[in-house]
């Protein structure tokens, strides 16, 4: 068996393109976005609780 028959290793660029690997900056941005979404959800829940109509 020759080396040419082996599957080549993926490059860093291809892994980044396929989103199999993320950079630290992307990880921080995702965490910040998740926190912003949580704050918005909490505000919406609080708004709905305050404005709920009694049945």
PDB file of N, CA and C in Angstrom:
ATOM      1  N   UNK A   1       0.841  -1.188   0.000  1.00  0.00           N
ATOM      2  CA  UNK A   1       0.000   0.000   0.000  1.00  0.00           C
ATOM      3  C   UNK A   1       0.879   1.241   0.000  1.00  0.00           C
ATOM      4  N   UNK A   2       0.565   2.137  -0.840  1.00  0.00           N
ATOM      5  CA  UNK A   2       1.350   3.367  -0.909  1.00  0.00           C
ATOM      6  C   UNK A   2       0.662   4.472  -0.111  1.00  0.00           C
ATOM      7  N   UNK A   3       1.415   5.516   0.158  1.00  0.00           N
ATOM      8  CA  UNK A   3       0.889   6.637   0.927  1.00  0.00           C
ATOM      9  C   UNK A   3      -0.198   7.396   0.179  1.00  0.00           C
ATOM     10  N   UNK A   4      -0.198   7.312  -1.140  1.00  0.00           N
ATOM     11  CA  UNK A   4      -1.178   8.062  -1.926  1.00  0.00           C
ATOM     12  C   UNK A   4      -2.592   7.512  -1.750  1.00  0.00           C
ATOM     13  N   UNK A   5      -2.725   6.293  -1.249  1.00  0.00           N
ATOM     14  CA  UNK A   5      -4.051   5.713  -1.053  1.00  0.00           C
ATOM     15  C   UNK A   5      -4.660   6.109   0.289  1.00  0.00           C
ATOM     16  N   UNK A   6      -3.864   6.625   1.201  1.00  0.00           N
ATOM     17  CA  UNK A   6      -4.373   7.052   2.495  1.00  0.00           C
ATOM     18  C   UNK A   6      -5.198   8.322   2.340  1.00  0.00           C
ATOM     19  N   UNK A   7      -6.169   8.452   3.212  1.00  0.00           N
ATOM     20  CA  UNK A   7      -6.983   9.665   3.212  1.00  0.00           C
ATOM     21  C   UNK A   7      -6.149  10.796   3.798  1.00  0.00           C
ATOM     22  N   UNK A   8      -6.136  11.935   3.128  1.00  0.00           N
ATOM     23  CA  UNK A   8      -5.325  13.052   3.605  1.00  0.00           C
ATOM     24  C   UNK A   8      -5.993  13.706   4.814  1.00  0.00           C
ATOM     25  N   UNK A   9      -5.166  14.244   5.681  1.00  0.00           N
ATOM     26  CA  UNK A   9      -5.685  14.934   6.854  1.00  0.00           C
ATOM     27  C   UNK A   9      -6.331  16.242   6.425  1.00  0.00           C
ATOM     28  N   UNK A  10      -7.420  16.624   7.079  1.00  0.00           N
ATOM     29  CA  UNK A  10      -8.047  17.907   6.739  1.00  0.00           C
ATOM     30  C   UNK A  10      -7.161  19.061   7.195  1.00  0.00           C
ATOM     31  N   UNK A  11      -7.206  20.129   6.451  1.00  0.00           N
ATOM     32  CA  UNK A  11      -6.429  21.313   6.814  1.00  0.00           C
ATOM     33  C   UNK A  11      -7.208  22.139   7.829  1.00  0.00           C
ATOM     34  N   UNK A  12      -6.518  23.026   8.510  1.00  0.00           N
ATOM     35  CA  UNK A  12      -7.167  23.898   9.478  1.00  0.00           C
ATOM     36  C   UNK A  12      -8.231  24.756   8.803  1.00  0.00           C
ATOM     37  N   UNK A  13      -7.923  25.250   7.612  1.00  0.00           N
ATOM     38  CA  UNK A  13      -8.885  26.081   6.881  1.00  0.00           C
ATOM     39  C   UNK A  13     -10.165  25.305   6.579  1.00  0.00           C
ATOM     40  N   UNK A  14     -10.026  24.044   6.171  1.00  0.00           N
ATOM     41  CA  UNK A  14     -11.224  23.265   5.847  1.00  0.00           C
ATOM     42  C   UNK A  14     -12.033  22.964   7.107  1.00  0.00           C
ATOM     43  N   UNK A  15     -11.358  22.729   8.227  1.00  0.00           N
ATOM     44  CA  UNK A  15     -12.077  22.489   9.481  1.00  0.00           C
ATOM     45  C   UNK A  15     -12.803  23.743   9.946  1.00  0.00           C
ATOM     46  N   UNK A  16     -12.162  24.905   9.818  1.00  0.00           N
ATOM     47  CA  UNK A  16     -12.818  26.157  10.189  1.00  0.00           C
ATOM     48  C   UNK A  16     -14.016  26.424   9.288  1.00  0.00           C
ATOM     49  N   UNK A  17     -13.862  26.132   8.003  1.00  0.00           N
ATOM     50  CA  UNK A  17     -14.942  26.351   7.032  1.00  0.00           C
ATOM     51  C   UNK A  17     -16.136  25.456   7.342  1.00  0.00           C
ATOM     52  N   UNK A  18     -15.867  24.220   7.741  1.00  0.00           N
ATOM     53  CA  UNK A  18     -16.932  23.268   8.056  1.00  0.00           C
ATOM     54  C   UNK A  18     -17.474  23.442   9.472  1.00  0.00           C
ATOM     55  N   UNK A  19     -16.947  24.401  10.219  1.00  0.00           N
ATOM     56  CA  UNK A  19     -17.351  24.684  11.601  1.00  0.00           C
ATOM     57  C   UNK A  19     -17.117  23.497  12.529  1.00  0.00           C
ATOM     58  N   UNK A  20     -16.130  22.683  12.227  1.00  0.00           N
ATOM     59  CA  UNK A  20     -15.777  21.586  13.123  1.00  0.00           C
ATOM     60  C   UNK A  20     -14.815  22.078  14.190  1.00  0.00           C
ATOM     61  N   UNK A  21     -14.158  23.185  13.919  1.00  0.00           N
ATOM     62  CA  UNK A  21     -13.231  23.810  14.851  1.00  0.00           C
ATOM     63  C   UNK A  21     -13.589  25.283  14.911  1.00  0.00           C
ATOM     64  N   UNK A  22     -13.645  25.839  16.125  1.00  0.00           N
ATOM     65  CA  UNK A  22     -13.927  27.261  16.245  1.00  0.00           C
ATOM     66  C   UNK A  22     -12.763  27.938  16.955  1.00  0.00           C
ATOM     67  N   UNK A  23     -12.622  29.210  16.717  1.00  0.00           N
ATOM     68  CA  UNK A  23     -11.554  29.972  17.358  1.00  0.00           C
ATOM     69  C   UNK A  23     -12.048  30.499  18.700  1.00  0.00           C
ATOM     70  N   UNK A  24     -11.126  30.951  19.514  1.00  0.00           N
ATOM     71  CA  UNK A  24     -11.484  31.505  20.814  1.00  0.00           C
ATOM     72  C   UNK A  24     -12.386  32.717  20.685  1.00  0.00           C
ATOM     73  N   UNK A  25     -12.136  33.530  19.676  1.00  0.00           N
ATOM     74  CA  UNK A  25     -12.958  34.721  19.448  1.00  0.00           C
ATOM     75  C   UNK A  25     -14.407  34.323  19.150  1.00  0.00           C
ATOM     76  N   UNK A  26     -14.588  33.296  18.321  1.00  0.00           N
ATOM     77  CA  UNK A  26     -15.939  32.826  18.009  1.00  0.00           C
ATOM     78  C   UNK A  26     -16.617  32.270  19.253  1.00  0.00           C
ATOM     79  N   UNK A  27     -15.863  31.564  20.088  1.00  0.00           N
ATOM     80  CA  UNK A  27     -16.405  31.003  21.319  1.00  0.00           C
ATOM     81  C   UNK A  27     -16.882  32.109  22.255  1.00  0.00           C
ATOM     82  N   UNK A  28     -16.092  33.161  22.386  1.00  0.00           N
ATOM     83  CA  UNK A  28     -16.470  34.295  23.231  1.00  0.00           C
ATOM     84  C   UNK A  28     -17.705  34.979  22.669  1.00  0.00           C
ATOM     85  N   UNK A  29     -17.758  35.181  21.349  1.00  0.00           N
ATOM     86  CA  UNK A  29     -18.925  35.819  20.729  1.00  0.00           C
ATOM     87  C   UNK A  29     -20.181  34.989  20.939  1.00  0.00           C
ATOM     88  N   UNK A  30     -20.072  33.670  20.813  1.00  0.00           N
ATOM     89  CA  UNK A  30     -21.232  32.799  21.034  1.00  0.00           C
ATOM     90  C   UNK A  30     -21.707  32.882  22.477  1.00  0.00           C
ATOM     91  N   UNK A  31     -20.773  32.916  23.423  1.00  0.00           N
ATOM     92  CA  UNK A  31     -21.137  33.011  24.837  1.00  0.00           C
ATOM     93  C   UNK A  31     -21.820  34.340  25.133  1.00  0.00           C
ATOM     94  N   UNK A  32     -21.308  35.429  24.555  1.00  0.00           N
ATOM     95  CA  UNK A  32     -21.917  36.743  24.760  1.00  0.00           C
ATOM     96  C   UNK A  32     -23.310  36.799  24.148  1.00  0.00           C
ATOM     97  N   UNK A  33     -23.477  36.229  22.964  1.00  0.00           N
ATOM     98  CA  UNK A  33     -24.790  36.218  22.314  1.00  0.00           C
ATOM     99  C   UNK A  33     -25.779  35.384  23.127  1.00  0.00           C
ATOM    100  N   UNK A  34     -25.319  34.271  23.657  1.00  0.00           N
ATOM    101  CA  UNK A  34     -26.177  33.427  24.490  1.00  0.00           C
ATOM    102  C   UNK A  34     -26.629  34.187  25.729  1.00  0.00           C
ATOM    103  N   UNK A  35     -25.729  34.941  26.341  1.00  0.00           N
ATOM    104  CA  UNK A  35     -26.063  35.738  27.519  1.00  0.00           C
ATOM    105  C   UNK A  35     -27.070  36.833  27.163  1.00  0.00           C
ATOM    106  N   UNK A  36     -26.885  37.496  26.009  1.00  0.00           N
ATOM    107  CA  UNK A  36     -27.845  38.521  25.570  1.00  0.00           C
ATOM    108  C   UNK A  36     -29.232  37.915  25.351  1.00  0.00           C
ATOM    109  N   UNK A  37     -29.277  36.743  24.731  1.00  0.00           N
ATOM    110  CA  UNK A  37     -30.560  36.087  24.488  1.00  0.00           C
ATOM    111  C   UNK A  37     -31.242  35.703  25.805  1.00  0.00           C
ATOM    112  N   UNK A  38     -30.461  35.274  26.792  1.00  0.00           N
ATOM    113  CA  UNK A  38     -31.015  34.917  28.100  1.00  0.00           C
ATOM    114  C   UNK A  38     -31.611  36.144  28.774  1.00  0.00           C
ATOM    115  N   UNK A  39     -30.923  37.279  28.682  1.00  0.00           N
ATOM    116  CA  UNK A  39     -31.429  38.520  29.278  1.00  0.00           C
ATOM    117  C   UNK A  39     -32.743  38.924  28.618  1.00  0.00           C
ATOM    118  N   UNK A  40     -32.804  38.842  27.297  1.00  0.00           N
ATOM    119  CA  UNK A  40     -34.034  39.184  26.569  1.00  0.00           C
ATOM    120  C   UNK A  40     -35.172  38.255  26.973  1.00  0.00           C
ATOM    121  N   UNK A  41     -34.886  36.967  27.087  1.00  0.00           N
ATOM    122  CA  UNK A  41     -35.910  36.001  27.494  1.00  0.00           C
ATOM    123  C   UNK A  41     -36.407  36.306  28.902  1.00  0.00           C
ATOM    124  N   UNK A  42     -35.491  36.583  29.823  1.00  0.00           N
ATOM    125  CA  UNK A  42     -35.886  36.897  31.198  1.00  0.00           C
ATOM    126  C   UNK A  42     -36.753  38.151  31.250  1.00  0.00           C
ATOM    127  N   UNK A  43     -36.405  39.166  30.451  1.00  0.00           N
ATOM    128  CA  UNK A  43     -37.208  40.390  30.406  1.00  0.00           C
ATOM    129  C   UNK A  43     -38.598  40.103  29.849  1.00  0.00           C
ATOM    130  N   UNK A  44     -38.678  39.270  28.832  1.00  0.00           N
ATOM    131  CA  UNK A  44     -39.974  38.931  28.238  1.00  0.00           C
ATOM    132  C   UNK A  44     -40.837  38.149  29.226  1.00  0.00           C
ATOM    133  N   UNK A  45     -40.227  37.224  29.948  1.00  0.00           N
ATOM    134  CA  UNK A  45     -40.972  36.446  30.945  1.00  0.00           C
ATOM    135  C   UNK A  45     -41.491  37.363  32.043  1.00  0.00           C
ATOM    136  N   UNK A  46     -40.650  38.273  32.524  1.00  0.00           N
ATOM    137  CA  UNK A  46     -41.059  39.214  33.564  1.00  0.00           C
ATOM    138  C   UNK A  46     -42.184  40.120  33.062  1.00  0.00           C
ATOM    139  N   UNK A  47     -42.094  40.588  31.830  1.00  0.00           N
ATOM    140  CA  UNK A  47     -43.140  41.423  31.238  1.00  0.00           C
ATOM    141  C   UNK A  47     -44.462  40.663  31.186  1.00  0.00           C
ATOM    142  N   UNK A  48     -44.416  39.420  30.748  1.00  0.00           N
ATOM    143  CA  UNK A  48     -45.639  38.616  30.654  1.00  0.00           C
ATOM    144  C   UNK A  48     -46.236  38.358  32.035  1.00  0.00           C
ATOM    145  N   UNK A  49     -45.411  38.147  33.031  1.00  0.00           N
ATOM    146  CA  UNK A  49     -45.919  37.926  34.391  1.00  0.00           C
ATOM    147  C   UNK A  49     -46.612  39.176  34.926  1.00  0.00           C
ATOM    148  N   UNK A  50     -46.021  40.349  34.675  1.00  0.00           N
ATOM    149  CA  UNK A  50     -46.604  41.596  35.168  1.00  0.00           C
ATOM    150  C   UNK A  50     -47.911  41.928  34.453  1.00  0.00           C
ATOM    151  N   UNK A  51     -48.018  41.573  33.190  1.00  0.00           N
ATOM    152  CA  UNK A  51     -49.179  41.967  32.388  1.00  0.00           C
ATOM    153  C   UNK A  51     -50.171  40.837  32.156  1.00  0.00           C
ATOM    154  N   UNK A  52     -50.054  39.778  32.922  1.00  0.00           N
ATOM    155  CA  UNK A  52     -50.982  38.652  32.775  1.00  0.00           C
ATOM    156  C   UNK A  52     -52.368  39.074  33.251  1.00  0.00           C
ATOM    157  N   UNK A  53     -53.355  38.705  32.481  1.00  0.00           N
ATOM    158  CA  UNK A  53     -54.733  39.010  32.845  1.00  0.00           C
ATOM    159  C   UNK A  53     -55.260  37.914  33.766  1.00  0.00           C
ATOM    160  N   UNK A  54     -55.947  38.324  34.806  1.00  0.00           N
ATOM    161  CA  UNK A  54     -56.548  37.359  35.728  1.00  0.00           C
ATOM    162  C   UNK A  54     -57.795  36.775  35.082  1.00  0.00           C
ATOM    163  N   UNK A  55     -57.955  35.478  35.204  1.00  0.00           N
ATOM    164  CA  UNK A  55     -59.141  34.826  34.615  1.00  0.00           C
ATOM    165  C   UNK A  55     -60.253  34.733  35.620  1.00  0.00           C
TER     166      UNK A  55
END
